[in-house]
């Protein structure tokens, strides 16, 4: 959700009852990160004052824990100064982040695409691991969620979150049945009114299916899932590009000679796009997910006891 997750989207998600999150790098320049956090805090605070019977969910800020992230230390200082309730980390083991966030009572979750990375995060003392599985949008994993959750559950009884292809409430239930506690929903919210995405990007999300998502490293040097149509719109033949062995956000030029950049010009999406058929306010998307989840639970509980006895 780099670039796409706005402070308005996160506030709307929290007020609708789910944890909203944005990458710290979405707030630009770095000095505006505290402004973003203050905005979300203010919206949540006013909502809670007006709706004490339905308090907002907490919010999260994502930090890239890697030497290439020149903003890491400043962003971490801002996060700790504002006592952000949930911090999500990625790439390197987040030991230093865990110590500082735990120091004020916050929670740390870590993205992991392999069992080795999950082990390192667990050893760092995180409060939960996010399993980035095959089909997830952006920089993605390659492991089937059924296998990944099972392997992690063999070594960890803490909070497990599944990321990848979640666009319907029944998929949330399916993730829980396979052993996860929570799920990430990313691509579904690109097609929201509050997302920082162009109208064309939103329409492409709605009009695409899983076969329109391509996994490649030609853009940043790291494998990620993108919408094939966004390459075509730039006049770029994705099949003609060679794999990259270096990391960069710029990877080519348009016909007019201007630079093409990842995320801004080439758009990401997960394979769950096939379940997205309209652009709605974030609150409506969440209402639908809740209704779909409840319907799936009801269908499950009323399932044929002979056919499904082994599942209960």
C-alpha atoms as a PDB file:
ATOM      1  CA  UNK A   1       0.000   0.000   0.000  1.00  0.00           C
ATOM      2  CA  UNK A   2       2.986   2.287  -0.587  1.00  0.00           C
ATOM      3  CA  UNK A   3       1.645   5.691  -1.689  1.00  0.00           C
ATOM      4  CA  UNK A   4      -1.953   4.352  -1.673  1.00  0.00           C
ATOM      5  CA  UNK A   5      -2.670   4.288   2.082  1.00  0.00           C
ATOM      6  CA  UNK A   6      -3.589   7.831   3.064  1.00  0.00           C
ATOM      7  CA  UNK A   7      -4.175   9.199   6.540  1.00  0.00           C
ATOM      8  CA  UNK A   8      -7.832   9.630   5.554  1.00  0.00           C
ATOM      9  CA  UNK A   9      -8.106   5.955   4.594  1.00  0.00           C
ATOM     10  CA  UNK A  10      -6.496   4.803   7.845  1.00  0.00           C
ATOM     11  CA  UNK A  11      -8.776   6.987   9.956  1.00  0.00           C
ATOM     12  CA  UNK A  12     -11.842   5.705   8.084  1.00  0.00           C
ATOM     13  CA  UNK A  13     -10.762   2.091   8.563  1.00  0.00           C
ATOM     14  CA  UNK A  14     -10.226   2.540  12.296  1.00  0.00           C
ATOM     15  CA  UNK A  15     -13.556   4.293  12.780  1.00  0.00           C
ATOM     16  CA  UNK A  16     -15.248   1.416  10.922  1.00  0.00           C
ATOM     17  CA  UNK A  17     -13.743  -1.073  13.354  1.00  0.00           C
ATOM     18  CA  UNK A  18     -10.629  -2.525  11.747  1.00  0.00           C
ATOM     19  CA  UNK A  19      -6.939  -1.729  12.224  1.00  0.00           C
ATOM     20  CA  UNK A  20      -5.861   0.762   9.560  1.00  0.00           C
ATOM     21  CA  UNK A  21      -2.195   1.050   8.614  1.00  0.00           C
ATOM     22  CA  UNK A  22       0.030   3.218   6.453  1.00  0.00           C
ATOM     23  CA  UNK A  23       3.745   3.023   5.575  1.00  0.00           C
ATOM     24  CA  UNK A  24       5.705   5.772   7.311  1.00  0.00           C
ATOM     25  CA  UNK A  25       7.218   6.581   3.905  1.00  0.00           C
ATOM     26  CA  UNK A  26       3.792   7.665   2.641  1.00  0.00           C
ATOM     27  CA  UNK A  27       4.091  10.781   4.794  1.00  0.00           C
ATOM     28  CA  UNK A  28       6.384  13.131   2.889  1.00  0.00           C
ATOM     29  CA  UNK A  29       8.597  14.868   3.831  1.00  0.00           C
ATOM     30  CA  UNK A  30       9.637  12.995   6.957  1.00  0.00           C
ATOM     31  CA  UNK A  31       8.575  15.900   9.157  1.00  0.00           C
ATOM     32  CA  UNK A  32       4.968  15.344   8.125  1.00  0.00           C
ATOM     33  CA  UNK A  33       4.825  11.879   9.715  1.00  0.00           C
ATOM     34  CA  UNK A  34       3.857  13.346  13.086  1.00  0.00           C
ATOM     35  CA  UNK A  35       1.195  15.408  11.314  1.00  0.00           C
ATOM     36  CA  UNK A  36      -0.264  12.239   9.799  1.00  0.00           C
ATOM     37  CA  UNK A  37      -0.252  10.460  13.145  1.00  0.00           C
ATOM     38  CA  UNK A  38      -1.866  13.466  14.830  1.00  0.00           C
ATOM     39  CA  UNK A  39      -4.569  13.533  12.143  1.00  0.00           C
ATOM     40  CA  UNK A  40      -5.459   9.872  12.706  1.00  0.00           C
ATOM     41  CA  UNK A  41      -5.371  10.313  16.491  1.00  0.00           C
ATOM     42  CA  UNK A  42      -7.644  13.350  16.268  1.00  0.00           C
ATOM     43  CA  UNK A  43     -10.197  11.622  14.029  1.00  0.00           C
ATOM     44  CA  UNK A  44     -10.223   8.542  16.258  1.00  0.00           C
ATOM     45  CA  UNK A  45     -10.522  10.652  19.403  1.00  0.00           C
ATOM     46  CA  UNK A  46     -13.479  12.620  18.067  1.00  0.00           C
ATOM     47  CA  UNK A  47     -15.155   9.429  16.879  1.00  0.00           C
ATOM     48  CA  UNK A  48     -14.755   7.822  20.306  1.00  0.00           C
ATOM     49  CA  UNK A  49     -16.213  10.900  22.012  1.00  0.00           C
ATOM     50  CA  UNK A  50     -19.257  10.790  19.739  1.00  0.00           C
ATOM     51  CA  UNK A  51     -19.622   6.976  19.607  1.00  0.00           C
ATOM     52  CA  UNK A  52     -18.622   5.585  23.025  1.00  0.00           C
ATOM     53  CA  UNK A  53     -20.679   2.472  22.312  1.00  0.00           C
ATOM     54  CA  UNK A  54     -18.592   1.693  19.202  1.00  0.00           C
ATOM     55  CA  UNK A  55     -14.976   2.774  19.799  1.00  0.00           C
ATOM     56  CA  UNK A  56     -12.526   2.922  16.923  1.00  0.00           C
ATOM     57  CA  UNK A  57      -9.888   0.252  16.354  1.00  0.00           C
ATOM     58  CA  UNK A  58      -6.192   1.111  16.873  1.00  0.00           C
ATOM     59  CA  UNK A  59      -3.984   2.113  13.951  1.00  0.00           C
ATOM     60  CA  UNK A  60      -0.564   0.976  12.767  1.00  0.00           C
ATOM     61  CA  UNK A  61       2.475   2.473  11.051  1.00  0.00           C
ATOM     62  CA  UNK A  62       4.765   0.384   8.839  1.00  0.00           C
ATOM     63  CA  UNK A  63       8.542   0.763   9.077  1.00  0.00           C
ATOM     64  CA  UNK A  64      11.073  -0.697   6.629  1.00  0.00           C
ATOM     65  CA  UNK A  65      13.907  -1.963   8.833  1.00  0.00           C
ATOM     66  CA  UNK A  66      16.772  -1.896   6.375  1.00  0.00           C
ATOM     67  CA  UNK A  67      19.960   0.179   5.897  1.00  0.00           C
ATOM     68  CA  UNK A  68      18.584   1.488   2.600  1.00  0.00           C
ATOM     69  CA  UNK A  69      15.802   3.276   4.473  1.00  0.00           C
ATOM     70  CA  UNK A  70      17.451   6.579   5.315  1.00  0.00           C
ATOM     71  CA  UNK A  71      14.390   7.678   7.253  1.00  0.00           C
ATOM     72  CA  UNK A  72      14.232   4.716   9.622  1.00  0.00           C
ATOM     73  CA  UNK A  73      15.715   6.341  12.713  1.00  0.00           C
ATOM     74  CA  UNK A  74      13.775   9.584  12.314  1.00  0.00           C
ATOM     75  CA  UNK A  75      10.540   7.693  11.605  1.00  0.00           C
ATOM     76  CA  UNK A  76      11.088   5.451  14.620  1.00  0.00           C
ATOM     77  CA  UNK A  77      11.644   8.532  16.787  1.00  0.00           C
ATOM     78  CA  UNK A  78       8.348   9.974  15.542  1.00  0.00           C
ATOM     79  CA  UNK A  79       6.519   6.706  16.143  1.00  0.00           C
ATOM     80  CA  UNK A  80       7.858   6.457  19.684  1.00  0.00           C
ATOM     81  CA  UNK A  81       7.216  10.126  20.433  1.00  0.00           C
ATOM     82  CA  UNK A  82       3.549   9.699  19.458  1.00  0.00           C
ATOM     83  CA  UNK A  83       3.327   6.226  21.060  1.00  0.00           C
ATOM     84  CA  UNK A  84       1.826   4.586  17.973  1.00  0.00           C
ATOM     85  CA  UNK A  85      -0.123   1.543  19.261  1.00  0.00           C
ATOM     86  CA  UNK A  86       0.949  -0.925  16.558  1.00  0.00           C
ATOM     87  CA  UNK A  87       4.163  -0.876  14.527  1.00  0.00           C
ATOM     88  CA  UNK A  88       4.589  -3.191  11.544  1.00  0.00           C
ATOM     89  CA  UNK A  89       8.132  -3.940  10.420  1.00  0.00           C
ATOM     90  CA  UNK A  90       9.575  -5.611   7.339  1.00  0.00           C
ATOM     91  CA  UNK A  91      12.872  -6.908   5.925  1.00  0.00           C
ATOM     92  CA  UNK A  92      15.538  -7.080   8.672  1.00  0.00           C
ATOM     93  CA  UNK A  93      14.877  -8.528  12.154  1.00  0.00           C
ATOM     94  CA  UNK A  94      13.308  -5.679  14.163  1.00  0.00           C
ATOM     95  CA  UNK A  95      15.133  -6.128  17.473  1.00  0.00           C
ATOM     96  CA  UNK A  96      15.843  -2.435  18.126  1.00  0.00           C
ATOM     97  CA  UNK A  97      12.331  -1.456  17.075  1.00  0.00           C
ATOM     98  CA  UNK A  98      10.807  -4.080  19.385  1.00  0.00           C
ATOM     99  CA  UNK A  99      12.765  -2.776  22.377  1.00  0.00           C
ATOM    100  CA  UNK A 100      11.749   0.841  21.838  1.00  0.00           C
ATOM    101  CA  UNK A 101       8.090   0.165  21.006  1.00  0.00           C
ATOM    102  CA  UNK A 102       7.696  -2.238  23.910  1.00  0.00           C
ATOM    103  CA  UNK A 103       9.220   0.479  26.065  1.00  0.00           C
ATOM    104  CA  UNK A 104       6.059   2.565  25.808  1.00  0.00           C
ATOM    105  CA  UNK A 105       3.660  -0.404  25.676  1.00  0.00           C
ATOM    106  CA  UNK A 106       3.196  -0.678  21.920  1.00  0.00           C
ATOM    107  CA  UNK A 107       2.892  -3.817  19.806  1.00  0.00           C
ATOM    108  CA  UNK A 108       5.214  -4.935  16.993  1.00  0.00           C
ATOM    109  CA  UNK A 109       4.192  -7.170  14.089  1.00  0.00           C
ATOM    110  CA  UNK A 110       6.668  -8.313  11.445  1.00  0.00           C
ATOM    111  CA  UNK A 111       6.148  -9.219   7.781  1.00  0.00           C
ATOM    112  CA  UNK A 112       7.736 -12.539   6.830  1.00  0.00           C
ATOM    113  CA  UNK A 113       7.729 -14.309   3.463  1.00  0.00           C
ATOM    114  CA  UNK A 114       9.671 -17.414   4.554  1.00  0.00           C
ATOM    115  CA  UNK A 115       9.859 -19.619   7.630  1.00  0.00           C
ATOM    116  CA  UNK A 116      13.448 -18.462   8.194  1.00  0.00           C
ATOM    117  CA  UNK A 117      12.347 -14.832   8.345  1.00  0.00           C
ATOM    118  CA  UNK A 118       9.442 -15.748  10.602  1.00  0.00           C
ATOM    119  CA  UNK A 119      11.846 -17.493  13.008  1.00  0.00           C
ATOM    120  CA  UNK A 120      14.109 -14.435  13.128  1.00  0.00           C
ATOM    121  CA  UNK A 121      11.164 -12.176  13.884  1.00  0.00           C
ATOM    122  CA  UNK A 122       9.909 -14.488  16.626  1.00  0.00           C
ATOM    123  CA  UNK A 123      13.390 -14.616  18.140  1.00  0.00           C
ATOM    124  CA  UNK A 124      13.416 -10.792  18.117  1.00  0.00           C
ATOM    125  CA  UNK A 125      10.438 -10.783  20.456  1.00  0.00           C
ATOM    126  CA  UNK A 126       7.720  -9.515  18.134  1.00  0.00           C
ATOM    127  CA  UNK A 127       4.097  -9.721  19.213  1.00  0.00           C
ATOM    128  CA  UNK A 128       2.992 -11.378  16.005  1.00  0.00           C
ATOM    129  CA  UNK A 129       4.099 -12.416  12.534  1.00  0.00           C
ATOM    130  CA  UNK A 130       2.460 -11.473   9.243  1.00  0.00           C
ATOM    131  CA  UNK A 131       2.817 -14.278   6.717  1.00  0.00           C
ATOM    132  CA  UNK A 132       3.154 -12.739   3.254  1.00  0.00           C
ATOM    133  CA  UNK A 133       1.942 -15.589   1.068  1.00  0.00           C
ATOM    134  CA  UNK A 134       1.720 -16.355  -2.648  1.00  0.00           C
ATOM    135  CA  UNK A 135      -0.491 -13.910  -4.518  1.00  0.00           C
ATOM    136  CA  UNK A 136      -0.103 -10.983  -2.127  1.00  0.00           C
ATOM    137  CA  UNK A 137       0.166  -7.532  -3.670  1.00  0.00           C
ATOM    138  CA  UNK A 138       3.417  -5.584  -3.714  1.00  0.00           C
ATOM    139  CA  UNK A 139       6.617  -7.360  -2.721  1.00  0.00           C
ATOM    140  CA  UNK A 140       5.206 -10.805  -2.292  1.00  0.00           C
ATOM    141  CA  UNK A 141       5.822 -14.302  -1.020  1.00  0.00           C
ATOM    142  CA  UNK A 142       5.769 -17.603  -2.867  1.00  0.00           C
ATOM    143  CA  UNK A 143       4.460 -20.047  -0.248  1.00  0.00           C
ATOM    144  CA  UNK A 144       0.892 -21.317  -0.251  1.00  0.00           C
ATOM    145  CA  UNK A 145      -0.899 -20.011   2.877  1.00  0.00           C
ATOM    146  CA  UNK A 146      -2.063 -23.518   3.864  1.00  0.00           C
ATOM    147  CA  UNK A 147       1.538 -24.718   4.055  1.00  0.00           C
ATOM    148  CA  UNK A 148       2.965 -21.504   5.517  1.00  0.00           C
ATOM    149  CA  UNK A 149       0.491 -21.229   8.391  1.00  0.00           C
ATOM    150  CA  UNK A 150       0.960 -24.887   9.257  1.00  0.00           C
ATOM    151  CA  UNK A 151       4.751 -24.594   9.374  1.00  0.00           C
ATOM    152  CA  UNK A 152       4.664 -21.458  11.523  1.00  0.00           C
ATOM    153  CA  UNK A 153       2.111 -22.956  13.898  1.00  0.00           C
ATOM    154  CA  UNK A 154       4.502 -25.839  14.537  1.00  0.00           C
ATOM    155  CA  UNK A 155       6.975 -23.400  16.121  1.00  0.00           C
ATOM    156  CA  UNK A 156       4.839 -20.493  17.311  1.00  0.00           C
ATOM    157  CA  UNK A 157       1.621 -20.135  19.282  1.00  0.00           C
ATOM    158  CA  UNK A 158       1.490 -16.333  19.154  1.00  0.00           C
ATOM    159  CA  UNK A 159      -0.433 -13.982  16.898  1.00  0.00           C
ATOM    160  CA  UNK A 160      -0.389 -15.081  13.238  1.00  0.00           C
ATOM    161  CA  UNK A 161      -1.728 -12.896  10.445  1.00  0.00           C
ATOM    162  CA  UNK A 162      -2.140 -14.000   6.815  1.00  0.00           C
ATOM    163  CA  UNK A 163      -1.572 -11.660   3.893  1.00  0.00           C
ATOM    164  CA  UNK A 164      -2.509 -12.487   0.324  1.00  0.00           C
ATOM    165  CA  UNK A 165      -5.674 -12.571  -1.814  1.00  0.00           C
ATOM    166  CA  UNK A 166      -8.133 -11.547   0.911  1.00  0.00           C
ATOM    167  CA  UNK A 167     -10.989  -9.640  -0.713  1.00  0.00           C
ATOM    168  CA  UNK A 168     -14.093 -11.416   0.684  1.00  0.00           C
ATOM    169  CA  UNK A 169     -15.350 -12.158   4.177  1.00  0.00           C
ATOM    170  CA  UNK A 170     -15.387 -15.906   3.620  1.00  0.00           C
ATOM    171  CA  UNK A 171     -11.631 -15.772   2.977  1.00  0.00           C
ATOM    172  CA  UNK A 172     -11.161 -14.194   6.417  1.00  0.00           C
ATOM    173  CA  UNK A 173     -12.975 -17.177   7.929  1.00  0.00           C
ATOM    174  CA  UNK A 174     -10.942 -19.591   5.802  1.00  0.00           C
ATOM    175  CA  UNK A 175      -7.707 -18.076   7.120  1.00  0.00           C
ATOM    176  CA  UNK A 176      -8.893 -18.533  10.695  1.00  0.00           C
ATOM    177  CA  UNK A 177      -9.916 -22.117  10.038  1.00  0.00           C
ATOM    178  CA  UNK A 178      -6.437 -22.901   8.704  1.00  0.00           C
ATOM    179  CA  UNK A 179      -4.881 -21.543  11.910  1.00  0.00           C
ATOM    180  CA  UNK A 180      -4.411 -17.788  11.509  1.00  0.00           C
ATOM    181  CA  UNK A 181      -5.812 -15.226  13.934  1.00  0.00           C
ATOM    182  CA  UNK A 182      -6.183 -12.227  11.634  1.00  0.00           C
ATOM    183  CA  UNK A 183      -5.705 -11.223   7.989  1.00  0.00           C
ATOM    184  CA  UNK A 184      -4.267  -8.343   5.981  1.00  0.00           C
ATOM    185  CA  UNK A 185      -6.581  -6.766   3.409  1.00  0.00           C
ATOM    186  CA  UNK A 186      -4.713  -4.476   1.023  1.00  0.00           C
ATOM    187  CA  UNK A 187      -5.788  -4.550  -2.616  1.00  0.00           C
ATOM    188  CA  UNK A 188      -9.485  -4.334  -1.730  1.00  0.00           C
ATOM    189  CA  UNK A 189      -8.901  -0.868  -0.262  1.00  0.00           C
ATOM    190  CA  UNK A 190      -7.145   0.478  -3.350  1.00  0.00           C
ATOM    191  CA  UNK A 191     -10.664   0.640  -4.801  1.00  0.00           C
ATOM    192  CA  UNK A 192     -11.863   2.866  -1.945  1.00  0.00           C
ATOM    193  CA  UNK A 193     -12.823   6.517  -2.088  1.00  0.00           C
ATOM    194  CA  UNK A 194     -10.226   7.443   0.529  1.00  0.00           C
ATOM    195  CA  UNK A 195      -7.237   5.718  -1.100  1.00  0.00           C
ATOM    196  CA  UNK A 196      -4.518   7.853  -2.656  1.00  0.00           C
ATOM    197  CA  UNK A 197      -4.972   6.165  -6.030  1.00  0.00           C
ATOM    198  CA  UNK A 198      -5.921   7.648  -9.370  1.00  0.00           C
ATOM    199  CA  UNK A 199      -9.323   6.998 -10.887  1.00  0.00           C
ATOM    200  CA  UNK A 200      -7.641   4.954 -13.625  1.00  0.00           C
ATOM    201  CA  UNK A 201      -5.830   2.815 -11.037  1.00  0.00           C
ATOM    202  CA  UNK A 202      -9.063   2.158  -9.155  1.00  0.00           C
ATOM    203  CA  UNK A 203     -10.891   1.252 -12.345  1.00  0.00           C
ATOM    204  CA  UNK A 204      -8.122  -1.123 -13.349  1.00  0.00           C
ATOM    205  CA  UNK A 205      -8.451  -2.870  -9.971  1.00  0.00           C
ATOM    206  CA  UNK A 206     -12.187  -3.312 -10.518  1.00  0.00           C
ATOM    207  CA  UNK A 207     -11.785  -4.536 -14.098  1.00  0.00           C
ATOM    208  CA  UNK A 208      -8.919  -6.988 -13.451  1.00  0.00           C
ATOM    209  CA  UNK A 209      -8.782 -10.644 -12.471  1.00  0.00           C
ATOM    210  CA  UNK A 210      -6.036 -12.850 -11.075  1.00  0.00           C
ATOM    211  CA  UNK A 211      -4.674 -13.570 -14.551  1.00  0.00           C
ATOM    212  CA  UNK A 212      -4.038  -9.834 -14.998  1.00  0.00           C
ATOM    213  CA  UNK A 213      -1.544  -9.835 -12.123  1.00  0.00           C
ATOM    214  CA  UNK A 214       2.084 -10.502 -13.008  1.00  0.00           C
ATOM    215  CA  UNK A 215       4.889 -11.372 -10.595  1.00  0.00           C
ATOM    216  CA  UNK A 216       8.229  -9.950 -11.698  1.00  0.00           C
ATOM    217  CA  UNK A 217      11.457  -8.395 -10.442  1.00  0.00           C
ATOM    218  CA  UNK A 218      11.994  -6.181 -13.508  1.00  0.00           C
ATOM    219  CA  UNK A 219      10.650  -3.113 -11.697  1.00  0.00           C
ATOM    220  CA  UNK A 220      12.575  -2.876  -8.404  1.00  0.00           C
ATOM    221  CA  UNK A 221      14.899  -5.869  -8.495  1.00  0.00           C
ATOM    222  CA  UNK A 222      12.684  -7.648  -5.965  1.00  0.00           C
ATOM    223  CA  UNK A 223       9.771  -9.848  -6.964  1.00  0.00           C
ATOM    224  CA  UNK A 224       6.432  -8.134  -6.625  1.00  0.00           C
ATOM    225  CA  UNK A 225       2.930  -8.435  -8.065  1.00  0.00           C
ATOM    226  CA  UNK A 226       1.737  -5.759 -10.488  1.00  0.00           C
ATOM    227  CA  UNK A 227      -1.210  -5.126 -12.764  1.00  0.00           C
ATOM    228  CA  UNK A 228      -0.222  -6.135 -16.271  1.00  0.00           C
ATOM    229  CA  UNK A 229      -2.455  -3.392 -17.649  1.00  0.00           C
ATOM    230  CA  UNK A 230      -0.387  -0.664 -15.986  1.00  0.00           C
ATOM    231  CA  UNK A 231       2.646  -1.716 -18.057  1.00  0.00           C
ATOM    232  CA  UNK A 232       0.543  -1.732 -21.215  1.00  0.00           C
ATOM    233  CA  UNK A 233      -0.784   1.761 -20.435  1.00  0.00           C
ATOM    234  CA  UNK A 234       2.820   3.011 -20.437  1.00  0.00           C
ATOM    235  CA  UNK A 235       3.592   1.282 -23.718  1.00  0.00           C
ATOM    236  CA  UNK A 236       5.880  -1.230 -21.999  1.00  0.00           C
ATOM    237  CA  UNK A 237       5.978  -4.887 -23.041  1.00  0.00           C
ATOM    238  CA  UNK A 238       6.554  -6.668 -19.738  1.00  0.00           C
ATOM    239  CA  UNK A 239       7.500  -9.881 -21.532  1.00  0.00           C
ATOM    240  CA  UNK A 240      10.361  -8.112 -23.310  1.00  0.00           C
ATOM    241  CA  UNK A 241      12.035  -6.862 -20.113  1.00  0.00           C
ATOM    242  CA  UNK A 242      14.977  -8.731 -18.611  1.00  0.00           C
ATOM    243  CA  UNK A 243      15.144  -9.714 -14.923  1.00  0.00           C
ATOM    244  CA  UNK A 244      17.081  -7.264 -12.732  1.00  0.00           C
ATOM    245  CA  UNK A 245      19.901  -7.988 -10.333  1.00  0.00           C
ATOM    246  CA  UNK A 246      19.883  -4.597  -8.581  1.00  0.00           C
ATOM    247  CA  UNK A 247      17.317  -2.671  -6.555  1.00  0.00           C
ATOM    248  CA  UNK A 248      15.853   0.625  -7.734  1.00  0.00           C
ATOM    249  CA  UNK A 249      12.449   2.302  -7.984  1.00  0.00           C
ATOM    250  CA  UNK A 250      13.159   3.550 -11.524  1.00  0.00           C
ATOM    251  CA  UNK A 251      13.384   1.010 -14.312  1.00  0.00           C
ATOM    252  CA  UNK A 252      12.585   2.509 -17.689  1.00  0.00           C
ATOM    253  CA  UNK A 253      11.318   5.443 -19.725  1.00  0.00           C
ATOM    254  CA  UNK A 254       8.130   6.420 -21.493  1.00  0.00           C
ATOM    255  CA  UNK A 255       8.024   7.348 -25.153  1.00  0.00           C
ATOM    256  CA  UNK A 256       8.506  11.004 -24.198  1.00  0.00           C
ATOM    257  CA  UNK A 257      11.714  10.148 -22.353  1.00  0.00           C
ATOM    258  CA  UNK A 258      10.355  10.684 -18.831  1.00  0.00           C
ATOM    259  CA  UNK A 259      11.335   8.204 -16.128  1.00  0.00           C
ATOM    260  CA  UNK A 260       8.967   5.401 -15.143  1.00  0.00           C
ATOM    261  CA  UNK A 261       8.854   4.608 -11.416  1.00  0.00           C
ATOM    262  CA  UNK A 262       7.516   1.713  -9.403  1.00  0.00           C
ATOM    263  CA  UNK A 263       4.245   2.207  -7.504  1.00  0.00           C
ATOM    264  CA  UNK A 264       3.694   5.690  -8.946  1.00  0.00           C
ATOM    265  CA  UNK A 265       3.496   4.647 -12.609  1.00  0.00           C
ATOM    266  CA  UNK A 266       3.394   0.848 -12.451  1.00  0.00           C
ATOM    267  CA  UNK A 267       0.593  -0.230 -10.159  1.00  0.00           C
ATOM    268  CA  UNK A 268       0.587  -3.102  -7.739  1.00  0.00           C
ATOM    269  CA  UNK A 269      -2.226  -5.480  -6.853  1.00  0.00           C
ATOM    270  CA  UNK A 270      -2.680  -8.921  -5.348  1.00  0.00           C
ATOM    271  CA  UNK A 271      -4.363 -11.879  -7.006  1.00  0.00           C
ATOM    272  CA  UNK A 272      -7.529 -11.158  -5.036  1.00  0.00           C
ATOM    273  CA  UNK A 273      -8.527  -8.460  -7.559  1.00  0.00           C
ATOM    274  CA  UNK A 274     -11.019 -10.859  -9.138  1.00  0.00           C
ATOM    275  CA  UNK A 275     -13.282 -10.424  -6.115  1.00  0.00           C
ATOM    276  CA  UNK A 276     -13.411  -6.619  -6.382  1.00  0.00           C
ATOM    277  CA  UNK A 277     -16.145  -5.236  -8.581  1.00  0.00           C
ATOM    278  CA  UNK A 278     -16.845  -1.700  -7.381  1.00  0.00           C
ATOM    279  CA  UNK A 279     -15.321   1.424  -5.844  1.00  0.00           C
ATOM    280  CA  UNK A 280     -16.788   2.254  -2.437  1.00  0.00           C
ATOM    281  CA  UNK A 281     -16.104   4.205   0.745  1.00  0.00           C
ATOM    282  CA  UNK A 282     -13.862   2.284   3.140  1.00  0.00           C
ATOM    283  CA  UNK A 283     -16.712   1.978   5.651  1.00  0.00           C
ATOM    284  CA  UNK A 284     -18.917   0.264   3.059  1.00  0.00           C
ATOM    285  CA  UNK A 285     -16.142  -2.157   2.105  1.00  0.00           C
ATOM    286  CA  UNK A 286     -15.757  -3.089   5.767  1.00  0.00           C
ATOM    287  CA  UNK A 287     -19.519  -3.482   6.244  1.00  0.00           C
ATOM    288  CA  UNK A 288     -19.567  -5.879   3.291  1.00  0.00           C
ATOM    289  CA  UNK A 289     -16.626  -7.863   4.647  1.00  0.00           C
ATOM    290  CA  UNK A 290     -18.413  -8.229   7.999  1.00  0.00           C
ATOM    291  CA  UNK A 291     -21.655  -9.380   6.352  1.00  0.00           C
ATOM    292  CA  UNK A 292     -19.783 -11.831   4.120  1.00  0.00           C
ATOM    293  CA  UNK A 293     -17.870 -13.182   7.120  1.00  0.00           C
ATOM    294  CA  UNK A 294     -21.035 -13.635   9.154  1.00  0.00           C
ATOM    295  CA  UNK A 295     -22.787 -15.343   6.255  1.00  0.00           C
ATOM    296  CA  UNK A 296     -19.842 -17.708   5.807  1.00  0.00           C
ATOM    297  CA  UNK A 297     -19.859 -18.575   9.517  1.00  0.00           C
ATOM    298  CA  UNK A 298     -23.579 -19.250   9.378  1.00  0.00           C
ATOM    299  CA  UNK A 299     -23.192 -21.424   6.308  1.00  0.00           C
ATOM    300  CA  UNK A 300     -20.371 -23.281   8.009  1.00  0.00           C
ATOM    301  CA  UNK A 301     -22.368 -23.963  11.177  1.00  0.00           C
ATOM    302  CA  UNK A 302     -25.316 -25.198   9.108  1.00  0.00           C
ATOM    303  CA  UNK A 303     -23.197 -27.398   6.843  1.00  0.00           C
ATOM    304  CA  UNK A 304     -24.164 -31.009   6.183  1.00  0.00           C
ATOM    305  CA  UNK A 305     -22.846 -32.881   9.264  1.00  0.00           C
ATOM    306  CA  UNK A 306     -22.094 -35.990   7.185  1.00  0.00           C
ATOM    307  CA  UNK A 307     -20.054 -34.247   4.524  1.00  0.00           C
ATOM    308  CA  UNK A 308     -18.289 -31.875   6.904  1.00  0.00           C
ATOM    309  CA  UNK A 309     -18.080 -33.823  10.161  1.00  0.00           C
ATOM    310  CA  UNK A 310     -14.289 -34.067   9.850  1.00  0.00           C
ATOM    311  CA  UNK A 311     -14.019 -30.270   9.774  1.00  0.00           C
ATOM    312  CA  UNK A 312     -15.846 -29.571  13.052  1.00  0.00           C
END
